[in-house]
C-alpha atoms as a PDB file:
ATOM      1  CA  MET A   1     131.275 134.437 111.032  1.00  0.00           C
ATOM      2  CA  LYS A   2     128.774 133.321 108.493  1.00  0.00           C
ATOM      3  CA  ARG A   3     130.149 135.891 106.223  1.00  0.00           C
ATOM      4  CA  PHE A   4     133.584 134.134 105.975  1.00  0.00           C
ATOM      5  CA  LEU A   5     131.846 131.378 104.058  1.00  0.00           C
ATOM      6  CA  SER A   6     131.054 133.850 101.219  1.00  0.00           C
ATOM      7  CA  GLU A   7     134.140 135.401 100.727  1.00  0.00           C
ATOM      8  CA  SER A   8     137.108 135.462  98.090  1.00  0.00           C
ATOM      9  CA  LEU A   9     137.473 131.866  96.826  1.00  0.00           C
ATOM     10  CA  ARG A  10     134.035 130.987  95.314  1.00  0.00           C
ATOM     11  CA  GLY A  11     134.403 129.982  91.738  1.00  0.00           C
ATOM     12  CA  LYS A  12     138.204 129.146  91.943  1.00  0.00           C
ATOM     13  CA  PRO A  13     139.601 126.234  90.021  1.00  0.00           C
ATOM     14  CA  PHE A  14     140.364 123.191  91.976  1.00  0.00           C
ATOM     15  CA  PHE A  15     139.099 119.937  90.649  1.00  0.00           C
ATOM     16  CA  ASN A  16     137.826 121.165  87.219  1.00  0.00           C
ATOM     17  CA  ALA A  17     140.222 119.370  85.033  1.00  0.00           C
ATOM     18  CA  VAL A  18     139.369 116.336  83.084  1.00  0.00           C
ATOM     19  CA  ALA A  19     135.733 116.192  84.463  1.00  0.00           C
ATOM     20  CA  SER A  20     134.617 113.759  81.874  1.00  0.00           C
ATOM     21  CA  VAL A  21     136.300 110.760  83.689  1.00  0.00           C
ATOM     22  CA  ALA A  22     135.121 112.388  87.397  1.00  0.00           C
ATOM     23  CA  CYS A  23     132.246 109.920  87.821  1.00  0.00           C
ATOM     24  CA  GLY A  24     132.174 106.328  87.681  1.00  0.00           C
ATOM     25  CA  LYS A  25     134.545 103.636  86.333  1.00  0.00           C
ATOM     26  CA  ARG A  26     136.003 103.342  82.880  1.00  0.00           C
ATOM     27  CA  VAL A  27     134.221 100.854  80.423  1.00  0.00           C
ATOM     28  CA  GLY A  28     135.737  97.789  79.512  1.00  0.00           C
ATOM     29  CA  VAL A  29     138.543  97.173  82.059  1.00  0.00           C
ATOM     30  CA  SER A  30     139.274  93.541  82.843  1.00  0.00           C
ATOM     31  CA  TRP A  31     141.256  93.318  86.466  1.00  0.00           C
ATOM     32  CA  GLN A  32     143.892  90.411  85.765  1.00  0.00           C
ATOM     33  CA  THR A  33     145.603  90.580  89.056  1.00  0.00           C
ATOM     34  CA  VAL A  34     145.333  91.177  92.566  1.00  0.00           C
ATOM     35  CA  MET A  35     148.219  93.399  94.166  1.00  0.00           C
ATOM     36  CA  MET A  36     148.691  93.136  98.152  1.00  0.00           C
ATOM     37  CA  THR A  37     149.533  96.054 100.166  1.00  0.00           C
ATOM     38  CA  SER A  38     150.010  96.917 103.699  1.00  0.00           C
ATOM     39  CA  THR A  39     146.308  98.157 104.042  1.00  0.00           C
ATOM     40  CA  GLY A  40     144.858  95.245 101.712  1.00  0.00           C
ATOM     41  CA  PRO A  41     144.216  94.123  98.029  1.00  0.00           C
ATOM     42  CA  VAL A  42     144.525  96.730  95.285  1.00  0.00           C
ATOM     43  CA  SER A  43     142.817  95.741  92.000  1.00  0.00           C
ATOM     44  CA  VAL A  44     145.385  95.939  89.123  1.00  0.00           C
ATOM     45  CA  SER A  45     144.979  95.935  85.226  1.00  0.00           C
ATOM     46  CA  ASP A  46     148.500  95.059  83.968  1.00  0.00           C
ATOM     47  CA  ALA A  47     147.653  95.680  80.349  1.00  0.00           C
ATOM     48  CA  LEU A  48     146.326  99.311  81.032  1.00  0.00           C
ATOM     49  CA  HIS A  49     148.426  99.873  84.092  1.00  0.00           C
ATOM     50  CA  TYR A  50     145.195 100.804  86.322  1.00  0.00           C
ATOM     51  CA  TYR A  51     145.048 100.578  90.084  1.00  0.00           C
ATOM     52  CA  THR A  52     142.026 100.710  92.176  1.00  0.00           C
ATOM     53  CA  TYR A  53     142.260 101.746  95.899  1.00  0.00           C
ATOM     54  CA  SER A  54     139.565 101.341  98.392  1.00  0.00           C
ATOM     55  CA  GLU A  55     138.711 104.515 101.052  1.00  0.00           C
ATOM     56  CA  GLY A  56     141.463 104.682 103.372  1.00  0.00           C
ATOM     57  CA  SER A  57     144.274 102.384 101.554  1.00  0.00           C
ATOM     58  CA  SER A  58     147.836 103.914 101.393  1.00  0.00           C
ATOM     59  CA  ILE A  59     149.272 104.469  97.812  1.00  0.00           C
ATOM     60  CA  ASP A  60     152.966 103.546  97.378  1.00  0.00           C
ATOM     61  CA  LEU A  61     154.830 106.207  95.964  1.00  0.00           C
ATOM     62  CA  VAL A  62     157.720 104.748  93.813  1.00  0.00           C
ATOM     63  CA  GLU A  63     160.023 106.205  91.288  1.00  0.00           C
ATOM     64  CA  PRO A  64     159.656 106.784  88.328  1.00  0.00           C
ATOM     65  CA  VAL A  65     155.561 106.194  88.475  1.00  0.00           C
ATOM     66  CA  ILE A  66     153.597 109.362  88.141  1.00  0.00           C
ATOM     67  CA  PHE A  67     149.928 108.459  89.050  1.00  0.00           C
ATOM     68  CA  TYR A  68     147.099 109.823  86.998  1.00  0.00           C
ATOM     69  CA  ILE A  69     143.961 110.045  89.091  1.00  0.00           C
ATOM     70  CA  ASP A  70     140.843 108.765  86.816  1.00  0.00           C
ATOM     71  CA  SER A  71     138.567 109.140  89.577  1.00  0.00           C
ATOM     72  CA  GLY A  72     138.345 109.553  93.307  1.00  0.00           C
ATOM     73  CA  LEU A  73     140.222 111.489  95.774  1.00  0.00           C
ATOM     74  CA  VAL A  74     143.867 111.382  97.072  1.00  0.00           C
ATOM     75  CA  MET A  75     145.004 113.061 100.251  1.00  0.00           C
ATOM     76  CA  LEU A  76     148.862 113.828 100.478  1.00  0.00           C
ATOM     77  CA  CYS A  77     150.665 114.595 103.599  1.00  0.00           C
ATOM     78  CA  ALA A  78     154.016 115.129 104.765  1.00  0.00           C
ATOM     79  CA  ASN A  79     155.880 115.235 108.198  1.00  0.00           C
ATOM     80  CA  THR A  80     158.468 117.898 109.638  1.00  0.00           C
ATOM     81  CA  PRO A  81     160.114 117.406 113.185  1.00  0.00           C
ATOM     82  CA  GLU A  82     159.129 120.800 113.655  1.00  0.00           C
ATOM     83  CA  GLU A  83     155.779 121.324 112.533  1.00  0.00           C
ATOM     84  CA  GLY A  84     154.261 117.498 112.672  1.00  0.00           C
ATOM     85  CA  ASP A  85     152.036 116.682 109.720  1.00  0.00           C
ATOM     86  CA  TYR A  86     150.596 118.905 107.232  1.00  0.00           C
ATOM     87  CA  SER A  87     148.736 118.374 103.975  1.00  0.00           C
ATOM     88  CA  VAL A  88     150.043 118.960 100.588  1.00  0.00           C
ATOM     89  CA  GLY A  89     146.452 118.879  99.340  1.00  0.00           C
ATOM     90  CA  ILE A  90     143.305 117.035  98.364  1.00  0.00           C
ATOM     91  CA  LEU A  91     144.132 115.704  94.648  1.00  0.00           C
ATOM     92  CA  GLY A  92     141.140 114.828  92.299  1.00  0.00           C
ATOM     93  CA  PRO A  93     140.445 113.621  88.795  1.00  0.00           C
ATOM     94  CA  GLY A  94     142.797 114.933  86.263  1.00  0.00           C
ATOM     95  CA  MET A  95     145.519 115.487  88.443  1.00  0.00           C
ATOM     96  CA  VAL A  96     148.922 113.783  88.850  1.00  0.00           C
ATOM     97  CA  PHE A  97     151.232 112.914  92.171  1.00  0.00           C
ATOM     98  CA  GLY A  98     154.531 110.760  92.471  1.00  0.00           C
ATOM     99  CA  ARG A  99     157.973 111.173  93.775  1.00  0.00           C
ATOM    100  CA  THR A 100     159.200 112.517  90.668  1.00  0.00           C
ATOM    101  CA  ILE A 101     157.052 115.632  90.848  1.00  0.00           C
ATOM    102  CA  ALA A 102     158.143 116.824  94.272  1.00  0.00           C
ATOM    103  CA  ASP A 103     156.006 114.414  96.484  1.00  0.00           C
ATOM    104  CA  GLU A 104     159.164 112.893  97.905  1.00  0.00           C
ATOM    105  CA  GLY A 105     158.436 112.014 101.656  1.00  0.00           C
ATOM    106  CA  CYS A 106     154.703 112.249 101.147  1.00  0.00           C
ATOM    107  CA  GLN A 107     152.195 109.804 102.095  1.00  0.00           C
ATOM    108  CA  ALA A 108     149.273 109.245  99.901  1.00  0.00           C
ATOM    109  CA  VAL A 109     145.993 107.994 101.139  1.00  0.00           C
ATOM    110  CA  ALA A 110     142.565 107.269  99.199  1.00  0.00           C
ATOM    111  CA  LEU A 111     139.779 109.329 100.671  1.00  0.00           C
ATOM    112  CA  VAL A 112     137.282 107.411  98.617  1.00  0.00           C
ATOM    113  CA  THR A 113     137.434 104.462  96.285  1.00  0.00           C
ATOM    114  CA  THR A 114     140.096 105.750  93.731  1.00  0.00           C
ATOM    115  CA  GLN A 115     141.186 104.567  90.246  1.00  0.00           C
ATOM    116  CA  LEU A 116     144.733 105.552  89.413  1.00  0.00           C
ATOM    117  CA  ARG A 117     146.575 105.207  86.069  1.00  0.00           C
ATOM    118  CA  ALA A 118     150.375 104.719  85.922  1.00  0.00           C
ATOM    119  CA  LEU A 119     152.253 107.094  83.376  1.00  0.00           C
ATOM    120  CA  ALA A 120     155.650 105.773  83.934  1.00  0.00           C
ATOM    121  CA  SER A 121     156.268 104.432  80.615  1.00  0.00           C
ATOM    122  CA  THR A 122     154.100 106.199  78.251  1.00  0.00           C
ATOM    123  CA  GLN A 123     155.595 107.979  75.219  1.00  0.00           C
ATOM    124  CA  THR A 124     152.808 108.990  72.723  1.00  0.00           C
ATOM    125  CA  ILE A 125     151.949 112.577  72.273  1.00  0.00           C
ATOM    126  CA  ALA A 126     148.349 112.032  73.817  1.00  0.00           C
ATOM    127  CA  ASP A 127     150.041 110.990  77.039  1.00  0.00           C
ATOM    128  CA  LEU A 128     151.979 113.785  77.199  1.00  0.00           C
ATOM    129  CA  ASN A 129     149.244 116.146  76.448  1.00  0.00           C
ATOM    130  CA  LEU A 130     147.576 114.544  79.354  1.00  0.00           C
ATOM    131  CA  LEU A 131     150.489 114.833  81.433  1.00  0.00           C
ATOM    132  CA  ASN A 132     150.874 118.710  80.756  1.00  0.00           C
ATOM    133  CA  ASP A 133     147.289 119.304  81.476  1.00  0.00           C
ATOM    134  CA  ALA A 134     147.365 117.326  84.598  1.00  0.00           C
ATOM    135  CA  LEU A 135     150.274 119.392  85.919  1.00  0.00           C
ATOM    136  CA  ILE A 136     148.471 122.632  84.938  1.00  0.00           C
ATOM    137  CA  ALA A 137     145.440 121.414  87.330  1.00  0.00           C
ATOM    138  CA  ARG A 138     147.779 120.429  90.021  1.00  0.00           C
ATOM    139  CA  LEU A 139     149.374 124.025  90.050  1.00  0.00           C
ATOM    140  CA  ARG A 140     145.916 125.517  90.132  1.00  0.00           C
ATOM    141  CA  HIS A 141     145.263 123.354  93.024  1.00  0.00           C
ATOM    142  CA  THR A 142     148.421 124.321  94.972  1.00  0.00           C
ATOM    143  CA  HIS A 143     147.579 128.113  94.219  1.00  0.00           C
ATOM    144  CA  THR A 144     144.217 127.598  95.903  1.00  0.00           C
ATOM    145  CA  LEU A 145     145.416 126.072  99.000  1.00  0.00           C
ATOM    146  CA  LEU A 146     148.056 128.589  99.266  1.00  0.00           C
ATOM    147  CA  GLU A 147     145.360 131.639  99.168  1.00  0.00           C
ATOM    148  CA  VAL A 148     143.606 129.408 101.859  1.00  0.00           C
ATOM    149  CA  ALA A 149     146.913 129.147 103.796  1.00  0.00           C
ATOM    150  CA  ASN A 150     147.152 132.847 103.752  1.00  0.00           C
ATOM    151  CA  GLN A 151     143.819 133.805 105.266  1.00  0.00           C
ATOM    152  CA  ARG A 152     144.084 135.176 108.944  1.00  0.00           C
ATOM    153  CA  PRO A 153     142.718 134.060 111.860  1.00  0.00           C
ATOM    154  CA  VAL A 154     142.498 130.529 111.934  1.00  0.00           C
ATOM    155  CA  MET A 155     138.825 130.720 111.789  1.00  0.00           C
ATOM    156  CA  ARG A 156     138.714 132.656 108.461  1.00  0.00           C
ATOM    157  CA  ARG A 157     141.395 130.166 106.959  1.00  0.00           C
ATOM    158  CA  PHE A 158     138.895 127.366 108.067  1.00  0.00           C
ATOM    159  CA  CYS A 159     136.009 128.990 106.654  1.00  0.00           C
ATOM    160  CA  SER A 160     137.897 129.674 103.210  1.00  0.00           C
ATOM    161  CA  LEU A 161     138.942 125.925 103.220  1.00  0.00           C
ATOM    162  CA  LEU A 162     135.218 124.980 103.687  1.00  0.00           C
ATOM    163  CA  GLU A 163     133.924 127.166 100.817  1.00  0.00           C
ATOM    164  CA  VAL A 164     136.816 125.588  98.630  1.00  0.00           C
ATOM    165  CA  LEU A 165     135.619 122.094  99.533  1.00  0.00           C
ATOM    166  CA  GLY A 166     131.868 123.115  99.247  1.00  0.00           C
ATOM    167  CA  ASN A 167     132.618 124.410  95.717  1.00  0.00           C
ATOM    168  CA  HIS A 168     134.472 121.480  94.367  1.00  0.00           C
ATOM    169  CA  LEU A 169     133.437 118.394  96.336  1.00  0.00           C
ATOM    170  CA  GLY A 170     130.042 119.515  97.288  1.00  0.00           C
ATOM    171  CA  ARG A 171     126.653 118.295  96.203  1.00  0.00           C
ATOM    172  CA  THR A 172     123.570 120.734  96.626  1.00  0.00           C
ATOM    173  CA  THR A 173     120.717 119.505  98.542  1.00  0.00           C
ATOM    174  CA  PRO A 174     117.462 121.482  99.848  1.00  0.00           C
ATOM    175  CA  GLN A 175     119.367 122.261 102.952  1.00  0.00           C
ATOM    176  CA  GLY A 176     122.474 123.407 101.630  1.00  0.00           C
ATOM    177  CA  VAL A 177     125.800 122.073 100.139  1.00  0.00           C
ATOM    178  CA  LEU A 178     127.203 118.776 101.621  1.00  0.00           C
ATOM    179  CA  ILE A 179     130.537 117.783 101.218  1.00  0.00           C
ATOM    180  CA  ASP A 180     130.270 114.220 100.098  1.00  0.00           C
ATOM    181  CA  VAL A 181     133.556 112.786 101.556  1.00  0.00           C
ATOM    182  CA  ARG A 182     134.573 111.720 104.887  1.00  0.00           C
ATOM    183  CA  LEU A 183     137.172 114.060 106.501  1.00  0.00           C
ATOM    184  CA  THR A 184     138.451 113.481 109.909  1.00  0.00           C
ATOM    185  CA  HIS A 185     139.062 116.586 112.276  1.00  0.00           C
ATOM    186  CA  GLN A 186     142.711 115.465 112.006  1.00  0.00           C
ATOM    187  CA  GLN A 187     142.594 115.631 108.066  1.00  0.00           C
ATOM    188  CA  LEU A 188     141.089 118.960 108.141  1.00  0.00           C
ATOM    189  CA  ALA A 189     143.646 120.303 110.733  1.00  0.00           C
ATOM    190  CA  THR A 190     146.513 118.958 108.372  1.00  0.00           C
ATOM    191  CA  LEU A 191     144.937 121.018 105.567  1.00  0.00           C
ATOM    192  CA  ILE A 192     145.200 124.512 107.228  1.00  0.00           C
ATOM    193  CA  GLY A 193     148.127 123.968 109.525  1.00  0.00           C
ATOM    194  CA  SER A 194     146.184 123.816 112.557  1.00  0.00           C
ATOM    195  CA  THR A 195     145.527 121.064 115.464  1.00  0.00           C
ATOM    196  CA  ARG A 196     142.671 118.614 115.876  1.00  0.00           C
ATOM    197  CA  VAL A 197     141.375 120.562 118.878  1.00  0.00           C
ATOM    198  CA  THR A 198     141.060 123.742 116.970  1.00  0.00           C
ATOM    199  CA  ILE A 199     139.246 122.136 114.324  1.00  0.00           C
ATOM    200  CA  THR A 200     136.656 120.599 116.694  1.00  0.00           C
ATOM    201  CA  ARG A 201     136.177 123.849 118.609  1.00  0.00           C
ATOM    202  CA  MET A 202     135.778 125.848 115.568  1.00  0.00           C
ATOM    203  CA  LEU A 203     133.180 123.390 114.083  1.00  0.00           C
ATOM    204  CA  GLY A 204     131.276 123.719 117.360  1.00  0.00           C
ATOM    205  CA  GLU A 205     131.143 127.205 117.025  1.00  0.00           C
ATOM    206  CA  LEU A 206     129.975 127.085 113.311  1.00  0.00           C
ATOM    207  CA  LYS A 207     127.398 124.430 114.213  1.00  0.00           C
ATOM    208  CA  ASP A 208     125.987 126.956 117.153  1.00  0.00           C
ATOM    209  CA  GLN A 209     125.708 129.545 114.600  1.00  0.00           C
ATOM    210  CA  GLY A 210     123.734 127.187 112.254  1.00  0.00           C
ATOM    211  CA  VAL A 211     126.491 127.619 109.535  1.00  0.00           C
ATOM    212  CA  VAL A 212     127.550 123.987 109.379  1.00  0.00           C
ATOM    213  CA  CYS A 213     125.916 120.623 110.334  1.00  0.00           C
ATOM    214  CA  GLN A 214     127.531 117.467 111.074  1.00  0.00           C
ATOM    215  CA  MET A 215     125.961 114.739 108.995  1.00  0.00           C
ATOM    216  CA  GLU A 216     126.388 111.094 109.299  1.00  0.00           C
ATOM    217  CA  ASN A 217     129.870 109.306 108.195  1.00  0.00           C
ATOM    218  CA  GLN A 218     131.745 112.784 109.414  1.00  0.00           C
ATOM    219  CA  ARG A 219     130.257 114.645 106.282  1.00  0.00           C
ATOM    220  CA  LEU A 220     129.735 118.291 106.575  1.00  0.00           C
ATOM    221  CA  LEU A 221     126.610 120.306 105.405  1.00  0.00           C
ATOM    222  CA  LEU A 222     127.325 123.952 104.665  1.00  0.00           C
ATOM    223  CA  ARG A 223     123.747 125.365 105.266  1.00  0.00           C
ATOM    224  CA  ARG A 224     122.307 127.933 102.971  1.00  0.00           C
ATOM    225  CA  ALA A 225     122.192 131.684 104.102  1.00  0.00           C
ATOM    226  CA  ALA A 226     118.599 132.714 105.262  1.00  0.00           C
END
């Protein structure tokens, strides 16, 4: 099963748009008010329409707001009576989301501290170019997840997902690639259309083979091939 981690998806575009804003906060933002949500306080800059969400906070999707991700990670999930919860994707810096771009009915959750920018009232050419680039990044992301979803059997699909997460969220260490974001077994399951029990079983098999190691705070380490 080790071979699954080295196949087909290495180097595909995923979170590579607008990399210049991927790390750290913008300089010079003055937080003016604090908005309360169902999951706690959210920092808001009225002048710049910036919003900062803490890890685990829900993000309300209201029309006609389109959210642009300056930094952080957002997980989008939907639900159907037949299939239950499924993931639309994990969106990173340089991507957009909102009810006006086919995310109606989705739930959005910040996986880490996340800074968003509201593009609802933007009319400048620069803003339109930003939105165009972000939509292209979102389409690439969707294409990557579709490639993962078409992998069979489920173990191959899961390993393909780990490969993608390692390439684009990973941090290189002497032991291997650390997926430096906390993802629960249920969240991993929704990303590949599986169940929490199946994810737990497959992780156990990969750990036994020495391919994956569970680190603190539910972070996964993809070990280097011997």
